[in-house]
Amino acid sequence: MEIKLAERLYRLMFTNMREGLAILRVDPEDPEGSPVVIEMNPAAVKLCRCRSFNFANCKTADCFPGWFDEERLRATCRRLAAFGGMVELGEVPLGASVYRVRIFGLSEEHLGLVIDDVTRLKKGEKELAKVTGLMEQRSAAVEKRVVERTAQLQEINEELDSFAYSVSHDLRAPLRAMRAFAGILLEEEHTEAERVAYLKRIQAASEGMEHLIQDLLAYSRVGRQEIVIQRVRLEEVVADAAKQLELTIGGKNYRLEVREPLPEVVGHHTVLVQVVLNIMGNSIKFVPKGVTPSLLVWGEELDGECRLNIEDNGIGIAPEHQKRIFKIFERLHGIESYPGTGIGLAIASKAVTRLGGADRGGVKGGGREQVLDRSQESRPSVIRGGTAREAA
């Protein structure tokens, strides 16, 4: 290709490129001199801030004020002119646009300055970062749901294991008893008093089975019923639980003292009544023989939490069993010593969990603490069931 044609083609390319191009010159005889612009294409001229462009004396820092650190630019240009290479000078915001600038050596006196408009690229990077952030948030939310579902499935599997044990043991036990006593009545001669005694045993076994089935249904309903959270007065909760307690304890004597006022919390009235009723019922049931059950209920606010404390004079719970007793079908004593199905506290624990509760594992005198923690604008509530002393 002829030199003149090549020069004309390079000039056309230089003139028509969208990137801003400028040719700079440094004076080898003046080490402290700043680089000056000796040529620019139209795209660079649009960005030049010189009032009257003069290739003889227009310093680079004057053409593009505020774009560069003048001392650093001078040192960079000297180094590139001497040794060649290319240096990224960084990104420069100008109005709504962003420009990326790089400079490279051409000769011992000359350098090339390239100015790229990267506004769209930066906008795309920002959009990409936004989309990536949303995807990470959604991924975290999905992962959280997976963890929650996994925990729920694990809980369901544990409940199924417990239920299978109950079906094979707890539900079959009264059936075996009824079948055995019925067989005795059919196969042998008995006095009227003996027949009545066997029939009462059959009746007691059937009633025990009925109670177990009812508790199983109650436990199942706690996990499935719809719960609407709202502000609840604990005084009304305790009062309703005390009324229901009278109907369930079969006329057993006990003392109940409620220290008012009790705090107002965020929860579900019916579910909280169920929790308090089950804890109170256990407090009355598990007392030494000959001792009249005594319950003390009071509320307090501690560390930003509203707490409802239920203290009794029962037999207490050994520390190693304080987690175990809140699992379904877990019993620490034989049914001969303390009747029951082993589901009451499991219902209370599940109800607390449904209200967004967290198991703190705290104890007071052998008792158990349940925490209900609602949203930030709500006041959290704590249901604590305790005994006044440890079991011997």
Protein backbone atom coordinates (compact mmCIF):
# COMPACT_ATOMS: atom_id res chain seq x y z
CA MET A 1 0.00 0.00 0.00
CA GLU A 2 1.27 3.47 -0.89
CA ILE A 3 2.27 5.68 1.99
CA LYS A 4 -0.12 8.49 1.00
CA LEU A 5 -3.09 6.08 0.79
CA ALA A 6 -2.20 4.53 4.13
CA GLU A 7 -1.95 7.97 5.73
CA ARG A 8 -5.35 8.97 4.28
CA LEU A 9 -7.00 5.75 5.56
CA TYR A 10 -5.50 6.11 9.01
CA ARG A 11 -6.66 9.74 9.10
CA LEU A 12 -10.22 8.70 8.18
CA MET A 13 -10.21 6.04 10.87
CA PHE A 14 -8.80 8.51 13.44
CA THR A 15 -11.45 11.07 12.56
CA ASN A 16 -14.47 8.74 12.56
CA MET A 17 -13.83 6.61 15.64
CA ARG A 18 -16.37 6.92 18.46
CA GLU A 19 -13.64 6.71 21.08
CA GLY A 20 -11.93 9.97 21.92
CA LEU A 21 -8.35 9.91 20.62
CA ALA A 22 -5.62 12.42 21.40
CA ILE A 23 -1.91 12.57 20.62
CA LEU A 24 0.21 14.05 23.41
CA ARG A 25 3.77 15.31 23.37
CA VAL A 26 6.31 15.60 26.13
CA ASP A 27 9.42 17.77 25.77
CA PRO A 28 12.53 15.63 26.37
CA GLU A 29 14.46 18.79 27.22
CA ASP A 30 11.99 19.81 29.98
CA PRO A 31 11.62 17.02 32.58
CA GLU A 32 9.17 19.13 34.62
CA GLY A 33 7.01 20.06 31.65
CA SER A 34 3.44 18.82 31.40
CA PRO A 35 2.27 16.84 28.35
CA VAL A 36 0.49 18.96 25.74
CA VAL A 37 -2.13 17.97 23.18
CA ILE A 38 -1.00 18.19 19.56
CA GLU A 39 -3.93 16.39 17.90
CA MET A 40 -7.46 15.22 18.79
CA ASN A 41 -10.24 13.54 16.87
CA PRO A 42 -13.80 15.05 16.90
CA ALA A 43 -14.95 12.70 19.71
CA ALA A 44 -12.16 14.01 21.97
CA VAL A 45 -12.75 17.63 20.91
CA LYS A 46 -16.34 17.35 22.24
CA LEU A 47 -14.92 16.55 25.68
CA CYS A 48 -12.17 19.23 25.61
CA ARG A 49 -12.85 22.15 27.98
CA CYS A 50 -10.33 24.62 26.49
CA ARG A 51 -12.09 27.82 25.43
CA SER A 52 -9.96 28.24 22.33
CA PHE A 53 -8.16 25.11 21.31
CA ASN A 54 -4.53 25.80 20.41
CA PHE A 55 -2.28 22.84 19.72
CA ALA A 56 0.74 24.94 20.60
CA ASN A 57 0.05 25.40 24.28
CA CYS A 58 -3.00 23.35 25.36
CA LYS A 59 -1.94 21.22 28.30
CA THR A 60 -3.67 17.90 28.81
CA ALA A 61 -4.74 18.98 32.31
CA ASP A 62 -6.34 22.12 30.81
CA CYS A 63 -8.21 20.17 28.16
CA PHE A 64 -9.60 17.72 30.70
CA PRO A 65 -9.69 19.59 34.03
CA GLY A 66 -10.18 17.41 37.10
CA TRP A 67 -9.66 14.20 35.17
CA PHE A 68 -6.10 13.51 36.21
CA ASP A 69 -3.62 14.15 38.98
CA GLU A 70 -1.19 16.38 37.03
CA GLU A 71 1.98 15.23 38.79
CA ARG A 72 1.06 11.56 38.40
CA LEU A 73 0.14 12.10 34.72
CA ARG A 74 3.48 13.83 34.04
CA ALA A 75 5.44 10.95 35.63
CA THR A 76 3.39 8.33 33.79
CA CYS A 77 3.88 10.03 30.42
CA ARG A 78 7.67 10.31 30.97
CA ARG A 79 7.89 6.62 31.84
CA LEU A 80 5.78 5.46 28.87
CA ALA A 81 7.68 7.69 26.44
CA ALA A 82 10.94 6.22 27.64
CA PHE A 83 9.99 2.54 27.96
CA GLY A 84 6.68 2.12 26.09
CA GLY A 85 3.68 0.16 27.34
CA MET A 86 0.14 1.10 28.36
CA VAL A 87 -1.42 2.32 31.61
CA GLU A 88 -5.08 2.49 32.68
CA LEU A 89 -5.74 5.93 34.16
CA GLY A 90 -9.14 4.91 35.59
CA GLU A 91 -12.74 6.00 35.14
CA VAL A 92 -13.97 9.58 35.10
CA PRO A 93 -17.61 10.53 35.78
CA LEU A 94 -18.76 13.51 33.70
CA GLY A 95 -22.40 14.49 34.12
CA ALA A 96 -24.53 11.41 33.47
CA SER A 97 -21.70 9.71 31.58
CA VAL A 98 -18.67 7.68 32.64
CA TYR A 99 -15.41 7.57 30.65
CA ARG A 100 -12.55 5.09 30.93
CA VAL A 101 -9.11 6.52 30.06
CA ARG A 102 -5.89 4.76 29.09
CA ILE A 103 -2.59 6.05 27.74
CA PHE A 104 0.24 4.34 25.84
CA GLY A 105 3.66 5.26 24.48
CA LEU A 106 4.17 6.01 20.74
CA SER A 107 7.69 7.38 20.66
CA GLU A 108 10.25 9.07 22.84
CA GLU A 109 8.16 12.26 22.69
CA HIS A 110 4.65 11.14 21.81
CA LEU A 111 1.83 9.28 23.56
CA GLY A 112 -1.66 8.19 22.63
CA LEU A 113 -4.66 8.94 24.88
CA VAL A 114 -7.83 6.86 24.42
CA ILE A 115 -11.15 7.86 26.01
CA ASP A 116 -13.96 5.22 25.99
CA ASP A 117 -17.56 6.07 26.87
CA VAL A 118 -18.46 3.20 29.24
CA THR A 119 -21.78 4.65 30.45
CA ARG A 120 -23.82 1.77 28.99
CA LEU A 121 -21.33 -0.75 30.29
CA LYS A 122 -21.51 0.68 33.82
CA LYS A 123 -25.28 0.79 33.63
CA GLY A 124 -25.26 -2.84 32.52
CA GLU A 125 -22.91 -3.76 35.36
CA LYS A 126 -25.21 -1.99 37.82
CA GLU A 127 -28.26 -3.82 36.43
CA LEU A 128 -26.34 -7.09 36.53
CA ALA A 129 -25.34 -6.44 40.14
CA LYS A 130 -28.97 -5.65 40.96
CA VAL A 131 -30.21 -8.82 39.29
CA THR A 132 -27.44 -10.83 40.94
CA GLY A 133 -28.42 -9.38 44.32
CA LEU A 134 -32.07 -10.27 43.76
CA MET A 135 -31.09 -13.77 42.67
CA GLU A 136 -28.92 -14.16 45.77
CA GLN A 137 -31.80 -12.95 47.95
CA ARG A 138 -34.22 -15.34 46.30
CA SER A 139 -31.67 -18.13 46.50
CA ALA A 140 -31.19 -17.41 50.21
CA ALA A 141 -34.97 -17.35 50.69
CA VAL A 142 -35.33 -20.66 48.84
CA GLU A 143 -32.47 -22.15 50.85
CA LYS A 144 -34.11 -20.92 54.04
CA ARG A 145 -37.41 -22.50 53.01
CA VAL A 146 -35.59 -25.74 52.17
CA VAL A 147 -33.98 -25.73 55.62
CA GLU A 148 -37.34 -25.00 57.24
CA ARG A 149 -39.10 -27.71 55.20
CA THR A 150 -36.30 -30.15 56.00
CA ALA A 151 -36.69 -29.38 59.69
CA GLN A 152 -40.47 -29.77 59.38
CA LEU A 153 -40.05 -33.09 57.60
CA GLN A 154 -37.62 -34.25 60.25
CA GLU A 155 -40.11 -33.24 62.94
CA ILE A 156 -42.91 -35.03 61.08
CA ASN A 157 -40.75 -38.16 60.74
CA GLU A 158 -40.01 -38.07 64.46
CA GLU A 159 -43.72 -37.66 65.18
CA LEU A 160 -44.52 -40.56 62.88
CA ASP A 161 -41.96 -42.70 64.71
CA SER A 162 -43.54 -41.70 68.01
CA PHE A 163 -47.01 -42.34 66.63
CA ALA A 164 -45.95 -45.77 65.37
CA TYR A 165 -44.62 -46.55 68.84
CA SER A 166 -47.88 -45.33 70.37
CA VAL A 167 -49.95 -47.47 68.02
CA SER A 168 -47.81 -50.51 68.76
CA HIS A 169 -47.60 -49.91 72.50
CA ASP A 170 -49.78 -47.23 74.10
CA LEU A 171 -52.90 -47.89 72.01
CA ARG A 172 -52.53 -51.66 72.16
CA ALA A 173 -51.99 -51.74 75.93
CA PRO A 174 -55.61 -50.90 76.84
CA LEU A 175 -56.83 -53.24 74.11
CA ARG A 176 -54.77 -56.08 75.59
CA ALA A 177 -56.10 -55.26 79.05
CA MET A 178 -59.73 -55.24 77.84
CA ARG A 179 -59.22 -58.49 75.95
CA ALA A 180 -57.59 -60.17 78.96
CA PHE A 181 -60.27 -59.12 81.44
CA ALA A 182 -63.06 -60.01 78.99
CA GLY A 183 -61.46 -63.45 78.55
CA ILE A 184 -61.37 -63.97 82.30
CA LEU A 185 -65.05 -63.05 82.56
CA LEU A 186 -65.99 -65.46 79.75
CA GLU A 187 -63.89 -68.42 80.82
CA GLU A 188 -64.35 -68.54 84.61
CA GLU A 189 -67.11 -68.33 87.18
CA HIS A 190 -67.02 -65.22 89.33
CA THR A 191 -68.97 -63.59 92.06
CA GLU A 192 -70.95 -60.45 91.33
CA ALA A 193 -68.30 -58.30 93.05
CA GLU A 194 -65.50 -59.85 90.96
CA ARG A 195 -67.42 -59.30 87.74
CA VAL A 196 -68.01 -55.65 88.65
CA ALA A 197 -64.29 -55.22 89.44
CA TYR A 198 -63.24 -56.70 86.07
CA LEU A 199 -65.81 -54.60 84.21
CA LYS A 200 -64.52 -51.46 85.93
CA ARG A 201 -61.00 -52.36 84.79
CA ILE A 202 -62.27 -52.80 81.24
CA GLN A 203 -64.06 -49.45 81.52
CA ALA A 204 -60.90 -47.76 82.84
CA ALA A 205 -58.83 -49.20 79.98
CA SER A 206 -61.34 -47.99 77.38
CA GLU A 207 -61.43 -44.52 78.97
CA GLY A 208 -57.62 -44.39 78.92
CA MET A 209 -57.63 -45.32 75.25
CA GLU A 210 -60.26 -42.64 74.55
CA HIS A 211 -58.14 -40.00 76.32
CA LEU A 212 -55.08 -41.03 74.33
CA ILE A 213 -56.99 -40.77 71.04
CA GLN A 214 -58.41 -37.37 72.04
CA ASP A 215 -54.91 -36.08 72.93
CA LEU A 216 -53.53 -37.38 69.65
CA LEU A 217 -56.26 -35.51 67.76
CA ALA A 218 -55.58 -32.35 69.80
CA TYR A 219 -51.86 -32.59 69.01
CA SER A 220 -52.65 -33.03 65.33
CA ARG A 221 -55.04 -30.06 65.29
CA VAL A 222 -52.41 -27.77 66.84
CA GLY A 223 -50.18 -28.41 63.83
CA ARG A 224 -52.92 -27.84 61.25
CA GLN A 225 -55.26 -25.16 62.58
CA GLU A 226 -55.13 -21.65 61.11
CA ILE A 227 -53.69 -19.11 63.53
CA VAL A 228 -54.28 -15.35 63.26
CA ILE A 229 -51.87 -13.34 65.41
CA GLN A 230 -53.25 -10.38 67.35
CA ARG A 231 -52.87 -8.60 70.69
CA VAL A 232 -53.96 -10.79 73.61
CA ARG A 233 -54.51 -9.98 77.29
CA LEU A 234 -52.82 -12.62 79.42
CA GLU A 235 -55.25 -11.95 82.26
CA GLU A 236 -58.06 -13.24 80.04
CA VAL A 237 -55.91 -16.18 78.89
CA VAL A 238 -55.18 -17.27 82.48
CA ALA A 239 -58.81 -16.76 83.52
CA ASP A 240 -60.11 -18.94 80.66
CA ALA A 241 -57.46 -21.59 81.35
CA ALA A 242 -58.46 -21.64 85.04
CA LYS A 243 -62.15 -22.18 84.10
CA GLN A 244 -61.27 -25.09 81.82
CA LEU A 245 -58.94 -26.49 84.49
CA GLU A 246 -61.92 -26.87 86.85
CA LEU A 247 -63.61 -29.12 84.27
CA THR A 248 -60.58 -31.34 83.62
CA ILE A 249 -59.09 -32.11 87.06
CA GLY A 250 -62.10 -34.07 88.37
CA GLY A 251 -62.74 -32.09 91.55
CA LYS A 252 -59.16 -32.30 92.85
CA ASN A 253 -58.27 -29.64 95.44
CA TYR A 254 -55.60 -27.07 94.56
CA ARG A 255 -54.65 -23.45 95.23
CA LEU A 256 -54.21 -20.92 92.44
CA GLU A 257 -52.87 -17.40 93.00
CA VAL A 258 -52.66 -14.94 90.12
CA ARG A 259 -50.72 -11.74 90.67
CA GLU A 260 -52.22 -9.07 88.45
CA PRO A 261 -51.76 -7.10 86.32
CA LEU A 262 -50.48 -9.46 83.64
CA PRO A 263 -48.87 -8.07 80.46
CA GLU A 264 -50.51 -7.82 77.08
CA VAL A 265 -48.76 -9.85 74.39
CA VAL A 266 -49.02 -10.69 70.70
CA GLY A 267 -50.32 -14.19 70.01
CA HIS A 268 -53.48 -16.23 69.63
CA HIS A 269 -55.95 -16.38 72.54
CA THR A 270 -57.17 -19.97 72.08
CA VAL A 271 -53.70 -21.39 71.50
CA LEU A 272 -52.26 -19.58 74.53
CA VAL A 273 -55.14 -20.88 76.66
CA GLN A 274 -54.24 -24.39 75.52
CA VAL A 275 -50.58 -23.83 76.45
CA VAL A 276 -51.36 -22.44 79.92
CA LEU A 277 -54.01 -25.13 80.56
CA ASN A 278 -51.58 -27.96 79.79
CA ILE A 279 -48.86 -26.48 82.01
CA MET A 280 -51.31 -25.88 84.86
CA GLY A 281 -52.71 -29.39 84.47
CA ASN A 282 -49.23 -30.89 84.80
CA SER A 283 -48.52 -28.67 87.81
CA ILE A 284 -51.56 -30.09 89.58
CA LYS A 285 -50.93 -33.67 88.49
CA PHE A 286 -47.25 -34.06 89.36
CA VAL A 287 -47.15 -33.41 93.13
CA PRO A 288 -46.05 -35.70 95.95
CA LYS A 289 -48.77 -37.77 97.59
CA GLY A 290 -50.60 -35.92 100.33
CA VAL A 291 -49.54 -32.50 99.06
CA THR A 292 -52.16 -29.99 97.90
CA PRO A 293 -51.07 -28.49 94.57
CA SER A 294 -50.26 -24.78 94.81
CA LEU A 295 -49.83 -22.62 91.69
CA LEU A 296 -48.51 -19.07 91.49
CA VAL A 297 -48.92 -17.11 88.24
CA TRP A 298 -47.33 -13.74 87.61
CA GLY A 299 -46.11 -11.64 84.71
CA GLU A 300 -42.97 -9.60 84.20
CA GLU A 301 -41.10 -7.68 81.54
CA LEU A 302 -37.43 -8.60 81.24
CA ASP A 303 -34.95 -7.66 78.51
CA GLY A 304 -37.73 -6.49 76.21
CA GLU A 305 -39.80 -9.66 76.70
CA CYS A 306 -43.16 -10.12 78.37
CA ARG A 307 -43.04 -13.24 80.52
CA LEU A 308 -45.77 -15.28 82.11
CA ASN A 309 -44.42 -17.43 84.95
CA ILE A 310 -46.28 -20.48 86.31
CA GLU A 311 -44.68 -21.85 89.49
CA ASP A 312 -45.87 -24.85 91.49
CA ASN A 313 -44.88 -27.06 94.42
CA GLY A 314 -44.61 -30.22 92.33
CA ILE A 315 -42.00 -32.99 92.20
CA GLY A 316 -39.76 -31.11 89.79
CA ILE A 317 -37.87 -32.24 86.71
CA ALA A 318 -34.28 -33.45 86.70
CA PRO A 319 -32.02 -31.34 84.42
CA GLU A 320 -31.26 -34.25 82.08
CA HIS A 321 -34.98 -34.66 81.32
CA GLN A 322 -35.94 -31.01 80.78
CA LYS A 323 -35.77 -31.27 76.98
CA ARG A 324 -37.17 -34.76 76.75
CA ILE A 325 -40.49 -34.05 78.51
CA PHE A 326 -41.66 -31.73 75.72
CA LYS A 327 -41.54 -34.53 73.14
CA ILE A 328 -44.67 -36.48 72.30
CA PHE A 329 -45.34 -39.67 74.36
CA GLU A 330 -42.41 -38.97 76.70
CA ARG A 331 -43.11 -39.93 80.31
CA LEU A 332 -40.77 -39.80 83.32
CA HIS A 333 -43.05 -41.77 85.62
CA GLY A 334 -45.17 -44.88 85.29
CA ILE A 335 -48.86 -44.49 84.56
CA GLU A 336 -49.56 -46.17 87.91
CA SER A 337 -47.87 -43.28 89.75
CA TYR A 338 -49.11 -40.39 87.63
CA PRO A 339 -51.85 -41.01 85.04
CA GLY A 340 -51.76 -39.34 81.65
CA THR A 341 -50.94 -39.87 78.00
CA GLY A 342 -47.57 -38.10 77.77
CA ILE A 343 -48.89 -35.65 75.16
CA GLY A 344 -49.92 -32.58 77.17
CA LEU A 345 -46.57 -30.79 77.25
CA ALA A 346 -45.90 -31.80 73.63
CA ILE A 347 -49.14 -29.99 72.70
CA ALA A 348 -47.96 -26.91 74.65
CA SER A 349 -44.54 -26.97 72.98
CA LYS A 350 -46.01 -27.40 69.49
CA ALA A 351 -48.50 -24.58 70.10
CA VAL A 352 -45.69 -22.25 71.19
CA THR A 353 -43.72 -23.18 68.06
CA ARG A 354 -46.73 -22.42 65.86
CA LEU A 355 -46.82 -18.92 67.37
CA GLY A 356 -43.26 -18.34 66.24
CA GLY A 357 -41.75 -19.42 69.54
CA ALA A 358 -38.19 -20.47 70.18
CA ASP A 359 -37.09 -23.06 72.70
CA ARG A 360 -34.60 -21.30 74.96
CA GLY A 361 -33.98 -24.32 77.18
CA GLY A 362 -34.08 -22.08 80.24
CA VAL A 363 -35.25 -23.51 83.55
CA LYS A 364 -36.46 -22.28 86.90
CA GLY A 365 -36.56 -24.79 89.72
CA GLY A 366 -36.72 -27.67 87.25
CA GLY A 367 -39.24 -26.00 84.99
CA ARG A 368 -39.20 -25.13 81.31
CA GLU A 369 -39.19 -21.82 79.48
CA GLN A 370 -40.92 -21.19 76.16
CA VAL A 371 -40.37 -17.94 74.26
CA LEU A 372 -42.81 -16.41 71.77
CA ASP A 373 -40.98 -13.80 69.69
CA ARG A 374 -43.12 -11.86 67.24
CA SER A 375 -42.27 -9.06 64.78
CA GLN A 376 -40.32 -5.96 65.78
CA GLU A 377 -43.37 -3.82 66.23
CA SER A 378 -44.92 -6.46 68.46
CA ARG A 379 -44.13 -7.17 72.07
CA PRO A 380 -42.76 -10.69 72.49
CA SER A 381 -44.33 -13.05 75.03
CA VAL A 382 -42.82 -15.81 77.11
CA ILE A 383 -44.66 -18.77 78.59
CA ARG A 384 -42.66 -20.38 81.35
CA GLY A 385 -43.80 -23.46 83.26
CA GLY A 386 -41.80 -24.19 86.38
CA THR A 387 -41.72 -25.95 89.74
CA ALA A 388 -40.65 -24.46 93.01
CA ARG A 389 -38.08 -27.17 93.72
CA GLU A 390 -36.13 -29.96 92.08
CA ALA A 391 -37.20 -33.58 92.29
CA ALA A 392 -35.33 -35.52 94.92
